[in-house]
Amino acid sequence: AELDPPIERQLSFAAACDNFFAAAKHG
């Protein structure tokens, strides 16, 4: 939350979502 620039300017939302389901599948 304190990153500069903010994490939302560095990581696409689609990538965050893809990461989430990859982690759920493969741990």
PDB file of all heavy atoms in Angstrom:
ATOM      1  N   ALA A   1       0.818  -1.209   0.000  1.00  0.00           N
ATOM      2  CA  ALA A   1       0.000   0.000   0.000  1.00  0.00           C
ATOM      3  C   ALA A   1       0.855   1.264   0.000  1.00  0.00           C
ATOM      4  O   ALA A   1       0.377   2.336  -0.393  1.00  0.00           O
ATOM      5  CB  ALA A   1      -0.934   0.002   1.203  1.00  0.00           C
ATOM      6  N   GLU A   2       2.108   1.145   0.426  1.00  0.00           N
ATOM      7  CA  GLU A   2       2.978   2.318   0.516  1.00  0.00           C
ATOM      8  C   GLU A   2       4.008   2.374  -0.602  1.00  0.00           C
ATOM      9  O   GLU A   2       4.907   3.221  -0.578  1.00  0.00           O
ATOM     10  CB  GLU A   2       3.672   2.328   1.888  1.00  0.00           C
ATOM     11  CG  GLU A   2       2.681   2.504   3.035  1.00  0.00           C
ATOM     12  CD  GLU A   2       3.331   2.511   4.407  1.00  0.00           C
ATOM     13  OE1 GLU A   2       4.560   2.231   4.482  1.00  0.00           O
ATOM     14  OE2 GLU A   2       2.638   2.808   5.394  1.00  0.00           O
ATOM     15  N   LEU A   3       3.893   1.481  -1.590  1.00  0.00           N
ATOM     16  CA  LEU A   3       4.840   1.510  -2.695  1.00  0.00           C
ATOM     17  C   LEU A   3       4.700   2.806  -3.503  1.00  0.00           C
ATOM     18  O   LEU A   3       3.626   3.371  -3.623  1.00  0.00           O
ATOM     19  CB  LEU A   3       4.599   0.323  -3.638  1.00  0.00           C
ATOM     20  CG  LEU A   3       5.064  -1.063  -3.193  1.00  0.00           C
ATOM     21  CD1 LEU A   3       4.757  -2.073  -4.285  1.00  0.00           C
ATOM     22  CD2 LEU A   3       6.548  -1.075  -2.854  1.00  0.00           C
ATOM     23  N   ASP A   4       5.803   3.259  -4.045  1.00  0.00           N
ATOM     24  CA  ASP A   4       5.817   4.414  -4.934  1.00  0.00           C
ATOM     25  C   ASP A   4       6.682   4.073  -6.151  1.00  0.00           C
ATOM     26  O   ASP A   4       7.883   3.882  -6.002  1.00  0.00           O
ATOM     27  CB  ASP A   4       6.384   5.639  -4.210  1.00  0.00           C
ATOM     28  CG  ASP A   4       6.281   6.910  -5.046  1.00  0.00           C
ATOM     29  OD1 ASP A   4       5.496   6.902  -6.011  1.00  0.00           O
ATOM     30  OD2 ASP A   4       6.988   7.883  -4.727  1.00  0.00           O
ATOM     31  N   PRO A   5       6.075   3.954  -7.346  1.00  0.00           N
ATOM     32  CA  PRO A   5       4.659   4.177  -7.653  1.00  0.00           C
ATOM     33  C   PRO A   5       3.772   3.068  -7.092  1.00  0.00           C
ATOM     34  O   PRO A   5       4.261   1.977  -6.780  1.00  0.00           O
ATOM     35  CB  PRO A   5       4.634   4.195  -9.182  1.00  0.00           C
ATOM     36  CG  PRO A   5       5.811   3.366  -9.585  1.00  0.00           C
ATOM     37  CD  PRO A   5       6.867   3.629  -8.558  1.00  0.00           C
ATOM     38  N   PRO A   6       2.452   3.324  -6.958  1.00  0.00           N
ATOM     39  CA  PRO A   6       1.536   2.334  -6.378  1.00  0.00           C
ATOM     40  C   PRO A   6       1.557   1.022  -7.146  1.00  0.00           C
ATOM     41  O   PRO A   6       1.833   0.987  -8.350  1.00  0.00           O
ATOM     42  CB  PRO A   6       0.169   3.017  -6.485  1.00  0.00           C
ATOM     43  CG  PRO A   6       0.468   4.464  -6.628  1.00  0.00           C
ATOM     44  CD  PRO A   6       1.765   4.560  -7.349  1.00  0.00           C
ATOM     45  N   ILE A   7       1.234  -0.058  -6.463  1.00  0.00           N
ATOM     46  CA  ILE A   7       1.268  -1.383  -7.082  1.00  0.00           C
ATOM     47  C   ILE A   7       0.336  -1.442  -8.294  1.00  0.00           C
ATOM     48  O   ILE A   7       0.638  -2.116  -9.291  1.00  0.00           O
ATOM     49  CB  ILE A   7       0.904  -2.490  -6.059  1.00  0.00           C
ATOM     50  CG1 ILE A   7       1.109  -3.878  -6.662  1.00  0.00           C
ATOM     51  CG2 ILE A   7      -0.514  -2.321  -5.546  1.00  0.00           C
ATOM     52  CD1 ILE A   7       2.530  -4.185  -7.046  1.00  0.00           C
ATOM     53  N   GLU A   8      -0.781  -0.686  -8.259  1.00  0.00           N
ATOM     54  CA  GLU A   8      -1.715  -0.745  -9.382  1.00  0.00           C
ATOM     55  C   GLU A   8      -1.155  -0.081 -10.640  1.00  0.00           C
ATOM     56  O   GLU A   8      -1.708  -0.267 -11.727  1.00  0.00           O
ATOM     57  CB  GLU A   8      -3.067  -0.132  -9.011  1.00  0.00           C
ATOM     58  CG  GLU A   8      -3.015   1.306  -8.566  1.00  0.00           C
ATOM     59  CD  GLU A   8      -2.906   1.464  -7.058  1.00  0.00           C
ATOM     60  OE1 GLU A   8      -2.326   0.563  -6.405  1.00  0.00           O
ATOM     61  OE2 GLU A   8      -3.397   2.482  -6.544  1.00  0.00           O
ATOM     62  N   ARG A   9      -0.095   0.680 -10.498  1.00  0.00           N
ATOM     63  CA  ARG A   9       0.555   1.240 -11.679  1.00  0.00           C
ATOM     64  C   ARG A   9       1.694   0.347 -12.176  1.00  0.00           C
ATOM     65  O   ARG A   9       2.256   0.607 -13.235  1.00  0.00           O
ATOM     66  CB  ARG A   9       1.102   2.630 -11.363  1.00  0.00           C
ATOM     67  CG  ARG A   9       0.023   3.665 -11.064  1.00  0.00           C
ATOM     68  CD  ARG A   9       0.628   5.044 -10.907  1.00  0.00           C
ATOM     69  NE  ARG A   9      -0.362   6.015 -10.455  1.00  0.00           N
ATOM     70  CZ  ARG A   9      -0.072   7.274 -10.121  1.00  0.00           C
ATOM     71  NH1 ARG A   9       1.191   7.702 -10.214  1.00  0.00           N
ATOM     72  NH2 ARG A   9      -1.021   8.095  -9.716  1.00  0.00           N
ATOM     73  N   GLN A  10       2.036  -0.653 -11.405  1.00  0.00           N
ATOM     74  CA  GLN A  10       3.125  -1.546 -11.788  1.00  0.00           C
ATOM     75  C   GLN A  10       2.641  -2.911 -12.274  1.00  0.00           C
ATOM     76  O   GLN A  10       3.287  -3.546 -13.109  1.00  0.00           O
ATOM     77  CB  GLN A  10       4.058  -1.763 -10.587  1.00  0.00           C
ATOM     78  CG  GLN A  10       4.661  -0.499 -10.003  1.00  0.00           C
ATOM     79  CD  GLN A  10       5.625  -0.816  -8.889  1.00  0.00           C
ATOM     80  OE1 GLN A  10       6.537  -1.633  -9.044  1.00  0.00           O
ATOM     81  NE2 GLN A  10       5.437  -0.183  -7.737  1.00  0.00           N
ATOM     82  N   LEU A  11       1.511  -3.365 -11.723  1.00  0.00           N
ATOM     83  CA  LEU A  11       0.985  -4.701 -12.000  1.00  0.00           C
ATOM     84  C   LEU A  11      -0.394  -4.558 -12.610  1.00  0.00           C
ATOM     85  O   LEU A  11      -1.258  -3.877 -12.050  1.00  0.00           O
ATOM     86  CB  LEU A  11       0.906  -5.511 -10.699  1.00  0.00           C
ATOM     87  CG  LEU A  11       0.366  -6.936 -10.771  1.00  0.00           C
ATOM     88  CD1 LEU A  11       1.334  -7.856 -11.502  1.00  0.00           C
ATOM     89  CD2 LEU A  11       0.089  -7.464  -9.355  1.00  0.00           C
ATOM     90  N   SER A  12      -0.631  -5.174 -13.759  1.00  0.00           N
ATOM     91  CA  SER A  12      -1.971  -5.104 -14.345  1.00  0.00           C
ATOM     92  C   SER A  12      -2.940  -5.920 -13.498  1.00  0.00           C
ATOM     93  O   SER A  12      -2.563  -6.905 -12.858  1.00  0.00           O
ATOM     94  CB  SER A  12      -1.965  -5.634 -15.777  1.00  0.00           C
ATOM     95  OG  SER A  12      -1.846  -7.045 -15.803  1.00  0.00           O
ATOM     96  N   PHE A  13      -4.209  -5.499 -13.501  1.00  0.00           N
ATOM     97  CA  PHE A  13      -5.205  -6.236 -12.737  1.00  0.00           C
ATOM     98  C   PHE A  13      -5.373  -7.645 -13.296  1.00  0.00           C
ATOM     99  O   PHE A  13      -5.552  -8.609 -12.543  1.00  0.00           O
ATOM    100  CB  PHE A  13      -6.546  -5.503 -12.739  1.00  0.00           C
ATOM    101  CG  PHE A  13      -7.492  -6.021 -11.707  1.00  0.00           C
ATOM    102  CD1 PHE A  13      -7.504  -5.500 -10.429  1.00  0.00           C
ATOM    103  CD2 PHE A  13      -8.377  -7.050 -11.999  1.00  0.00           C
ATOM    104  CE1 PHE A  13      -8.371  -5.987  -9.460  1.00  0.00           C
ATOM    105  CE2 PHE A  13      -9.257  -7.550 -11.049  1.00  0.00           C
ATOM    106  CZ  PHE A  13      -9.245  -7.010  -9.771  1.00  0.00           C
ATOM    107  N   ALA A  14      -5.296  -7.768 -14.617  1.00  0.00           N
ATOM    108  CA  ALA A  14      -5.417  -9.095 -15.233  1.00  0.00           C
ATOM    109  C   ALA A  14      -4.318 -10.023 -14.750  1.00  0.00           C
ATOM    110  O   ALA A  14      -4.561 -11.219 -14.506  1.00  0.00           O
ATOM    111  CB  ALA A  14      -5.372  -8.972 -16.746  1.00  0.00           C
ATOM    112  N   ALA A  15      -3.104  -9.495 -14.580  1.00  0.00           N
ATOM    113  CA  ALA A  15      -1.999 -10.320 -14.086  1.00  0.00           C
ATOM    114  C   ALA A  15      -2.243 -10.733 -12.639  1.00  0.00           C
ATOM    115  O   ALA A  15      -1.957 -11.878 -12.252  1.00  0.00           O
ATOM    116  CB  ALA A  15      -0.678  -9.574 -14.207  1.00  0.00           C
ATOM    117  N   ALA A  16      -2.766  -9.821 -11.824  1.00  0.00           N
ATOM    118  CA  ALA A  16      -3.071 -10.162 -10.431  1.00  0.00           C
ATOM    119  C   ALA A  16      -4.116 -11.272 -10.372  1.00  0.00           C
ATOM    120  O   ALA A  16      -4.022 -12.192  -9.548  1.00  0.00           O
ATOM    121  CB  ALA A  16      -3.566  -8.925  -9.687  1.00  0.00           C
ATOM    122  N   CYS A  17      -5.122 -11.190 -11.243  1.00  0.00           N
ATOM    123  CA  CYS A  17      -6.171 -12.217 -11.294  1.00  0.00           C
ATOM    124  C   CYS A  17      -5.601 -13.554 -11.772  1.00  0.00           C
ATOM    125  O   CYS A  17      -5.879 -14.605 -11.188  1.00  0.00           O
ATOM    126  CB  CYS A  17      -7.293 -11.750 -12.205  1.00  0.00           C
ATOM    127  SG  CYS A  17      -8.726 -12.841 -12.240  1.00  0.00           S
ATOM    128  N   ASP A  18      -4.783 -13.523 -12.822  1.00  0.00           N
ATOM    129  CA  ASP A  18      -4.156 -14.753 -13.317  1.00  0.00           C
ATOM    130  C   ASP A  18      -3.284 -15.386 -12.232  1.00  0.00           C
ATOM    131  O   ASP A  18      -3.276 -16.617 -12.061  1.00  0.00           O
ATOM    132  CB  ASP A  18      -3.313 -14.463 -14.552  1.00  0.00           C
ATOM    133  CG  ASP A  18      -4.158 -14.124 -15.778  1.00  0.00           C
ATOM    134  OD1 ASP A  18      -5.381 -14.403 -15.754  1.00  0.00           O
ATOM    135  OD2 ASP A  18      -3.595 -13.588 -16.744  1.00  0.00           O
ATOM    136  N   ASN A  19      -2.529 -14.561 -11.522  1.00  0.00           N
ATOM    137  CA  ASN A  19      -1.703 -15.055 -10.416  1.00  0.00           C
ATOM    138  C   ASN A  19      -2.548 -15.786  -9.383  1.00  0.00           C
ATOM    139  O   ASN A  19      -2.178 -16.865  -8.884  1.00  0.00           O
ATOM    140  CB  ASN A  19      -0.992 -13.893  -9.722  1.00  0.00           C
ATOM    141  CG  ASN A  19       0.244 -13.406 -10.450  1.00  0.00           C
ATOM    142  OD1 ASN A  19       0.737 -14.042 -11.383  1.00  0.00           O
ATOM    143  ND2 ASN A  19       0.753 -12.266 -10.022  1.00  0.00           N
ATOM    144  N   PHE A  20      -3.696 -15.181  -9.040  1.00  0.00           N
ATOM    145  CA  PHE A  20      -4.567 -15.735  -8.001  1.00  0.00           C
ATOM    146  C   PHE A  20      -5.017 -17.152  -8.351  1.00  0.00           C
ATOM    147  O   PHE A  20      -4.929 -18.082  -7.532  1.00  0.00           O
ATOM    148  CB  PHE A  20      -5.765 -14.815  -7.811  1.00  0.00           C
ATOM    149  CG  PHE A  20      -6.759 -15.271  -6.786  1.00  0.00           C
ATOM    150  CD1 PHE A  20      -6.430 -15.301  -5.443  1.00  0.00           C
ATOM    151  CD2 PHE A  20      -8.044 -15.658  -7.153  1.00  0.00           C
ATOM    152  CE1 PHE A  20      -7.354 -15.701  -4.484  1.00  0.00           C
ATOM    153  CE2 PHE A  20      -8.967 -16.065  -6.217  1.00  0.00           C
ATOM    154  CZ  PHE A  20      -8.623 -16.092  -4.874  1.00  0.00           C
ATOM    155  N   PHE A  21      -5.471 -17.342  -9.575  1.00  0.00           N
ATOM    156  CA  PHE A  21      -5.968 -18.668  -9.948  1.00  0.00           C
ATOM    157  C   PHE A  21      -4.827 -19.654 -10.204  1.00  0.00           C
ATOM    158  O   PHE A  21      -4.988 -20.854  -9.950  1.00  0.00           O
ATOM    159  CB  PHE A  21      -6.912 -18.552 -11.146  1.00  0.00           C
ATOM    160  CG  PHE A  21      -8.230 -17.948 -10.768  1.00  0.00           C
ATOM    161  CD1 PHE A  21      -8.508 -16.615 -11.051  1.00  0.00           C
ATOM    162  CD2 PHE A  21      -9.168 -18.687 -10.080  1.00  0.00           C
ATOM    163  CE1 PHE A  21      -9.722 -16.050 -10.673  1.00  0.00           C
ATOM    164  CE2 PHE A  21     -10.387 -18.137  -9.699  1.00  0.00           C
ATOM    165  CZ  PHE A  21     -10.654 -16.805  -9.993  1.00  0.00           C
ATOM    166  N   ALA A  22      -3.676 -19.170 -10.658  1.00  0.00           N
ATOM    167  CA  ALA A  22      -2.515 -20.060 -10.783  1.00  0.00           C
ATOM    168  C   ALA A  22      -2.106 -20.576  -9.406  1.00  0.00           C
ATOM    169  O   ALA A  22      -1.795 -21.764  -9.234  1.00  0.00           O
ATOM    170  CB  ALA A  22      -1.352 -19.321 -11.442  1.00  0.00           C
ATOM    171  N   ALA A  23      -2.111 -19.703  -8.404  1.00  0.00           N
ATOM    172  CA  ALA A  23      -1.754 -20.115  -7.041  1.00  0.00           C
ATOM    173  C   ALA A  23      -2.778 -21.095  -6.488  1.00  0.00           C
ATOM    174  O   ALA A  23      -2.422 -22.062  -5.796  1.00  0.00           O
ATOM    175  CB  ALA A  23      -1.642 -18.888  -6.141  1.00  0.00           C
ATOM    176  N   ALA A  24      -4.060 -20.862  -6.771  1.00  0.00           N
ATOM    177  CA  ALA A  24      -5.088 -21.784  -6.293  1.00  0.00           C
ATOM    178  C   ALA A  24      -4.922 -23.169  -6.908  1.00  0.00           C
ATOM    179  O   ALA A  24      -5.097 -24.189  -6.233  1.00  0.00           O
ATOM    180  CB  ALA A  24      -6.471 -21.229  -6.603  1.00  0.00           C
ATOM    181  N   LYS A  25      -4.540 -23.227  -8.183  1.00  0.00           N
ATOM    182  CA  LYS A  25      -4.392 -24.516  -8.854  1.00  0.00           C
ATOM    183  C   LYS A  25      -3.132 -25.257  -8.410  1.00  0.00           C
ATOM    184  O   LYS A  25      -3.159 -26.473  -8.184  1.00  0.00           O
ATOM    185  CB  LYS A  25      -4.355 -24.308 -10.365  1.00  0.00           C
ATOM    186  CG  LYS A  25      -5.691 -23.893 -10.964  1.00  0.00           C
ATOM    187  CD  LYS A  25      -5.572 -23.637 -12.470  1.00  0.00           C
ATOM    188  CE  LYS A  25      -6.900 -23.186 -13.036  1.00  0.00           C
ATOM    189  NZ  LYS A  25      -6.832 -22.870 -14.488  1.00  0.00           N
ATOM    190  N   HIS A  26      -2.027 -24.541  -8.288  1.00  0.00           N
ATOM    191  CA  HIS A  26      -0.726 -25.209  -8.120  1.00  0.00           C
ATOM    192  C   HIS A  26      -0.021 -24.909  -6.804  1.00  0.00           C
ATOM    193  O   HIS A  26       1.026 -25.489  -6.531  1.00  0.00           O
ATOM    194  CB  HIS A  26       0.191 -24.832  -9.289  1.00  0.00           C
ATOM    195  CG  HIS A  26      -0.408 -25.100 -10.633  1.00  0.00           C
ATOM    196  ND1 HIS A  26      -0.660 -26.382 -11.087  1.00  0.00           N
ATOM    197  CD2 HIS A  26      -0.816 -24.267 -11.624  1.00  0.00           C
ATOM    198  CE1 HIS A  26      -1.195 -26.310 -12.301  1.00  0.00           C
ATOM    199  NE2 HIS A  26      -1.303 -25.043 -12.637  1.00  0.00           N
ATOM    200  N   GLY A  27      -0.558 -24.009  -5.988  1.00  0.00           N
ATOM    201  CA  GLY A  27       0.020 -23.746  -4.684  1.00  0.00           C
ATOM    202  C   GLY A  27       1.440 -23.235  -4.741  1.00  0.00           C
ATOM    203  O   GLY A  27       1.789 -22.389  -5.571  1.00  0.00           O
TER     204      GLY A  27
END
